[in-house]
Amino acid sequence: MVFKTLSEDIRGYLERDPAARSVVEVVLCYPGFHALMVYRLCHWLWQKKLFLLGRFLANIGRFLTGIEIHPGAKIGKRFVIDHGSGVVVGETTVIGDDVTLYHDVTLGGVAPSVDSHAQIGQKRHPTLGDGVIVGSGAQILGPISVGPHARIGSNSVVTKDIPSSITAVGVPAKVMMPRDKQKARQFQAYATTDEECPDPVLQTIENLRSQIVGLSVRVEELEKQQPDLQAKVREEKKSDVA
């Protein structure tokens, strides 16, 4: 069972990283895979309630790979951490199958640490559905859900639920609706997209700019009409006096 799981993890690297030339190369040269092997062991210890030993070995894995995965996290099959350095996965994180993370990604919690004992068992970290891609430097924070096959752009900060098969970018992250949801399910490195998805923030700016242009035109028309209006008012006053 363990070897089957690790074999599928290796297959994930071979399918999604064009630089991976062979199984041996993945096993020997990929820190993301090394961190995943350590996690599988530590998670098994965590399930056996050997919490301290699990955390201790996880800390050694963090020192060796630069990737921190809490033993309590739940990670599915064919999980890929590409380049890896700086990745943090929190204790109550849930990750589905075929998920890809790039370097400096944080799957963190935002709950205060005033009463740590009261937080044991509480959901504090995100849940990522199957096929999610998270670009480098992205931060996904809190007990939120990212739907299957969604993409999180590089350096985005996500604090709200993200629907499936869409792209979210920005700080805070905004939803960008793809034109072809079926195409959005295909793997794209670093959560990039080759179609022009409308950015809601840019759309709002464009709408405001068009309204300002319209108002400017109207003001110019009123200024041109002002002498005629003033003359008409003077004539009306004269007629009232007469």
Protein backbone atom coordinates (compact mmCIF):
# COMPACT_ATOMS: atom_id res chain seq x y z
CA MET A 1 0.00 0.00 0.00
CA VAL A 2 2.80 2.40 0.94
CA PHE A 3 4.80 1.59 -2.18
CA LYS A 4 1.69 2.02 -4.35
CA THR A 5 1.06 5.46 -2.85
CA LEU A 6 4.69 6.53 -3.37
CA SER A 7 4.59 5.16 -6.92
CA GLU A 8 1.56 7.32 -7.67
CA ASP A 9 3.31 10.33 -6.12
CA ILE A 10 6.27 9.76 -8.45
CA ARG A 11 3.88 9.49 -11.40
CA GLY A 12 2.47 12.89 -10.48
CA TYR A 13 5.92 14.45 -10.88
CA LEU A 14 6.55 12.69 -14.18
CA GLU A 15 3.21 13.87 -15.56
CA ARG A 16 3.35 17.50 -14.42
CA ASP A 17 7.05 18.43 -14.42
CA PRO A 18 8.67 18.37 -17.88
CA ALA A 19 12.11 18.46 -16.22
CA ALA A 20 11.52 15.06 -14.59
CA ARG A 21 13.18 12.52 -16.90
CA SER A 22 12.96 9.33 -14.87
CA VAL A 23 11.74 7.72 -11.67
CA VAL A 24 15.30 7.60 -10.31
CA GLU A 25 15.73 11.33 -10.88
CA VAL A 26 12.52 12.12 -8.98
CA VAL A 27 13.52 9.87 -6.07
CA LEU A 28 17.04 11.28 -5.80
CA CYS A 29 16.73 14.93 -6.81
CA TYR A 30 13.28 16.27 -5.88
CA PRO A 31 12.97 17.82 -2.38
CA GLY A 32 9.20 17.99 -2.80
CA PHE A 33 9.08 14.22 -3.12
CA HIS A 34 11.47 13.80 -0.18
CA ALA A 35 9.23 16.00 1.96
CA LEU A 36 6.23 13.95 0.89
CA MET A 37 7.94 10.69 1.89
CA VAL A 38 8.73 12.13 5.31
CA TYR A 39 5.16 13.35 5.63
CA ARG A 40 3.71 9.91 4.80
CA LEU A 41 5.74 8.41 7.65
CA CYS A 42 4.97 11.23 10.08
CA HIS A 43 1.27 11.12 9.26
CA TRP A 44 1.22 7.38 9.99
CA LEU A 45 2.83 8.07 13.37
CA TRP A 46 0.34 10.87 14.00
CA GLN A 47 -2.57 8.49 13.35
CA LYS A 48 -1.01 6.08 15.85
CA LYS A 49 -1.07 8.99 18.38
CA LEU A 50 2.74 9.20 18.46
CA PHE A 51 2.43 12.98 18.20
CA LEU A 52 5.83 14.02 19.52
CA LEU A 53 7.75 11.54 17.36
CA GLY A 54 5.74 12.59 14.32
CA ARG A 55 6.47 16.27 14.93
CA PHE A 56 10.15 15.56 15.60
CA LEU A 57 10.64 13.66 12.32
CA ALA A 58 8.62 16.31 10.45
CA ASN A 59 10.96 18.95 11.83
CA ILE A 60 13.96 16.98 10.54
CA GLY A 61 12.28 16.79 7.14
CA ARG A 62 11.72 20.55 7.22
CA PHE A 63 15.41 21.11 8.01
CA LEU A 64 16.51 18.88 5.13
CA THR A 65 14.05 20.01 2.44
CA GLY A 66 12.93 23.53 3.38
CA ILE A 67 9.32 22.31 3.21
CA GLU A 68 7.13 22.22 6.32
CA ILE A 69 4.20 19.77 6.30
CA HIS A 70 2.43 19.17 9.58
CA PRO A 71 1.89 15.44 10.28
CA GLY A 72 -1.78 16.11 11.03
CA ALA A 73 -2.53 17.36 7.51
CA LYS A 74 -4.46 15.08 5.16
CA ILE A 75 -2.94 14.80 1.67
CA GLY A 76 -4.30 12.82 -1.26
CA LYS A 77 -2.59 10.96 -4.09
CA ARG A 78 -0.17 12.32 -6.70
CA PHE A 79 0.58 15.45 -4.68
CA VAL A 80 3.31 17.56 -6.29
CA ILE A 81 5.39 20.29 -4.67
CA ASP A 82 7.40 21.80 -7.52
CA HIS A 83 10.68 23.52 -6.52
CA GLY A 84 9.33 23.33 -3.00
CA SER A 85 11.38 25.72 -0.88
CA GLY A 86 9.34 27.72 1.62
CA VAL A 87 6.11 25.69 1.38
CA VAL A 88 4.09 25.50 4.60
CA VAL A 89 1.13 23.15 5.11
CA GLY A 90 -0.80 23.55 8.38
CA GLU A 91 -2.14 20.90 10.73
CA THR A 92 -5.81 20.80 9.69
CA THR A 93 -5.17 21.26 5.98
CA VAL A 94 -6.98 18.83 3.68
CA ILE A 95 -5.56 18.33 0.17
CA GLY A 96 -7.27 16.27 -2.52
CA ASP A 97 -5.76 14.21 -5.33
CA ASP A 98 -3.58 15.62 -8.14
CA VAL A 99 -2.91 18.94 -6.37
CA THR A 100 0.15 21.00 -7.34
CA LEU A 101 1.89 23.60 -5.17
CA TYR A 102 4.83 25.79 -6.17
CA HIS A 103 7.49 27.34 -3.94
CA ASP A 104 6.68 29.72 -1.07
CA VAL A 105 3.04 28.65 -0.84
CA THR A 106 1.40 28.85 2.58
CA LEU A 107 -1.68 26.86 3.57
CA GLY A 108 -2.08 28.53 6.94
CA GLY A 109 -4.52 29.36 9.69
CA VAL A 110 -5.63 32.74 10.97
CA ALA A 111 -7.05 31.71 14.36
CA PRO A 112 -5.44 33.45 17.38
CA SER A 113 -3.17 31.34 19.56
CA VAL A 114 -4.40 32.68 22.91
CA ASP A 115 -5.90 29.37 24.02
CA SER A 116 -4.09 26.64 22.11
CA HIS A 117 -5.81 23.80 23.96
CA ALA A 118 -9.26 25.05 22.94
CA GLN A 119 -8.18 24.99 19.28
CA ILE A 120 -7.12 21.33 19.21
CA GLY A 121 -9.33 19.52 16.71
CA GLN A 122 -10.77 22.71 15.24
CA LYS A 123 -10.56 23.30 11.50
CA ARG A 124 -8.13 26.22 11.09
CA HIS A 125 -6.57 25.59 7.68
CA PRO A 126 -7.84 25.41 4.09
CA THR A 127 -9.27 22.51 2.12
CA LEU A 128 -8.07 22.08 -1.49
CA GLY A 129 -10.14 20.02 -3.90
CA ASP A 130 -8.83 17.62 -6.53
CA GLY A 131 -6.64 19.08 -9.26
CA VAL A 132 -6.07 22.48 -7.63
CA ILE A 133 -2.97 24.43 -8.77
CA VAL A 134 -1.44 27.06 -6.47
CA GLY A 135 1.15 29.43 -7.95
CA SER A 136 4.36 30.46 -6.20
CA GLY A 137 4.08 32.80 -3.23
CA ALA A 138 0.33 32.37 -2.82
CA GLN A 139 -1.17 32.43 0.67
CA ILE A 140 -4.39 30.50 1.37
CA LEU A 141 -5.47 31.29 4.90
CA GLY A 142 -8.18 30.05 7.22
CA PRO A 143 -10.74 27.21 7.15
CA ILE A 144 -11.85 27.96 3.60
CA SER A 145 -12.47 25.70 0.61
CA VAL A 146 -10.87 25.86 -2.82
CA GLY A 147 -13.03 23.96 -5.32
CA PRO A 148 -11.74 21.18 -7.57
CA HIS A 149 -9.55 22.27 -10.51
CA ALA A 150 -9.40 25.89 -9.33
CA ARG A 151 -6.22 27.90 -9.86
CA ILE A 152 -4.67 30.36 -7.43
CA GLY A 153 -2.35 32.86 -9.11
CA SER A 154 1.15 33.58 -7.87
CA ASN A 155 1.43 35.90 -4.83
CA SER A 156 -2.34 35.93 -4.30
CA VAL A 157 -3.85 36.06 -0.81
CA VAL A 158 -7.00 33.95 -0.48
CA THR A 159 -9.23 34.30 2.59
CA LYS A 160 -12.62 33.34 1.12
CA ASP A 161 -14.00 30.22 -0.55
CA ILE A 162 -13.08 29.77 -4.22
CA PRO A 163 -15.49 27.91 -6.57
CA SER A 164 -14.34 25.04 -8.76
CA SER A 165 -12.71 25.42 -12.19
CA ILE A 166 -11.99 29.15 -11.90
CA THR A 167 -8.88 31.31 -11.40
CA ALA A 168 -8.36 33.64 -8.44
CA VAL A 169 -5.69 36.36 -8.42
CA GLY A 170 -4.73 39.44 -6.45
CA VAL A 171 -4.51 40.73 -2.87
CA PRO A 172 -7.09 39.93 -1.69
CA ALA A 173 -7.79 37.33 -4.38
CA LYS A 174 -10.57 38.10 -6.86
CA VAL A 175 -12.36 35.55 -9.00
CA MET A 176 -11.63 35.60 -12.74
CA MET A 177 -14.20 33.64 -14.72
CA PRO A 178 -12.72 31.53 -17.55
CA ARG A 179 -14.46 31.38 -20.90
CA ASP A 180 -14.08 27.61 -21.14
CA LYS A 181 -14.56 25.77 -17.83
CA GLN A 182 -13.68 22.44 -19.39
CA LYS A 183 -10.36 23.85 -20.56
CA ALA A 184 -9.80 25.29 -17.09
CA ARG A 185 -9.56 21.72 -15.76
CA GLN A 186 -6.39 21.12 -17.77
CA PHE A 187 -3.04 21.42 -16.01
CA GLN A 188 -1.29 24.78 -16.38
CA ALA A 189 2.07 25.40 -14.73
CA TYR A 190 2.07 28.11 -12.04
CA ALA A 191 -1.74 28.40 -12.39
CA THR A 192 -1.35 30.49 -15.54
CA THR A 193 -4.00 30.72 -18.23
CA ASP A 194 -3.72 31.24 -21.98
CA GLU A 195 -7.10 32.90 -22.31
CA GLU A 196 -8.08 36.45 -21.45
CA CYS A 197 -10.10 36.09 -18.27
CA PRO A 198 -11.85 39.34 -17.27
CA ASP A 199 -10.37 40.75 -14.08
CA PRO A 200 -13.26 42.12 -11.96
CA VAL A 201 -11.13 44.95 -10.55
CA LEU A 202 -10.06 46.08 -14.04
CA GLN A 203 -13.67 45.82 -15.21
CA THR A 204 -14.76 48.14 -12.39
CA ILE A 205 -12.00 50.63 -13.23
CA GLU A 206 -12.95 50.58 -16.91
CA ASN A 207 -16.62 51.17 -16.05
CA LEU A 208 -15.72 54.11 -13.81
CA ARG A 209 -13.45 55.57 -16.49
CA SER A 210 -16.17 55.36 -19.13
CA GLN A 211 -18.63 57.08 -16.77
CA ILE A 212 -16.12 59.87 -16.08
CA VAL A 213 -15.62 60.39 -19.81
CA GLY A 214 -19.39 60.62 -20.28
CA LEU A 215 -19.72 63.14 -17.46
CA SER A 216 -16.87 65.23 -18.86
CA VAL A 217 -18.60 65.42 -22.24
CA ARG A 218 -21.87 66.44 -20.58
CA VAL A 219 -20.12 69.16 -18.54
CA GLU A 220 -18.55 70.58 -21.73
CA GLU A 221 -21.98 70.68 -23.39
CA LEU A 222 -23.44 72.53 -20.39
CA GLU A 223 -20.57 75.02 -20.38
CA LYS A 224 -21.19 75.77 -24.06
CA GLN A 225 -24.87 76.32 -23.34
CA GLN A 226 -24.18 78.56 -20.34
CA PRO A 227 -24.02 81.94 -22.25
CA ASP A 228 -27.33 81.20 -23.92
CA LEU A 229 -28.88 80.27 -20.61
CA GLN A 230 -27.60 83.43 -18.96
CA ALA A 231 -28.98 85.59 -21.79
CA LYS A 232 -32.34 83.81 -21.51
CA VAL A 233 -32.44 84.44 -17.75
CA ARG A 234 -31.70 88.17 -18.26
CA GLU A 235 -34.48 88.45 -20.83
CA GLU A 236 -36.93 86.77 -18.47
CA LYS A 237 -36.00 89.17 -15.69
CA LYS A 238 -36.50 92.17 -17.99
CA SER A 239 -39.89 90.91 -19.06
CA ASP A 240 -40.92 90.38 -15.44
CA VAL A 241 -39.91 93.95 -14.56
CA ALA A 242 -41.80 95.35 -17.54
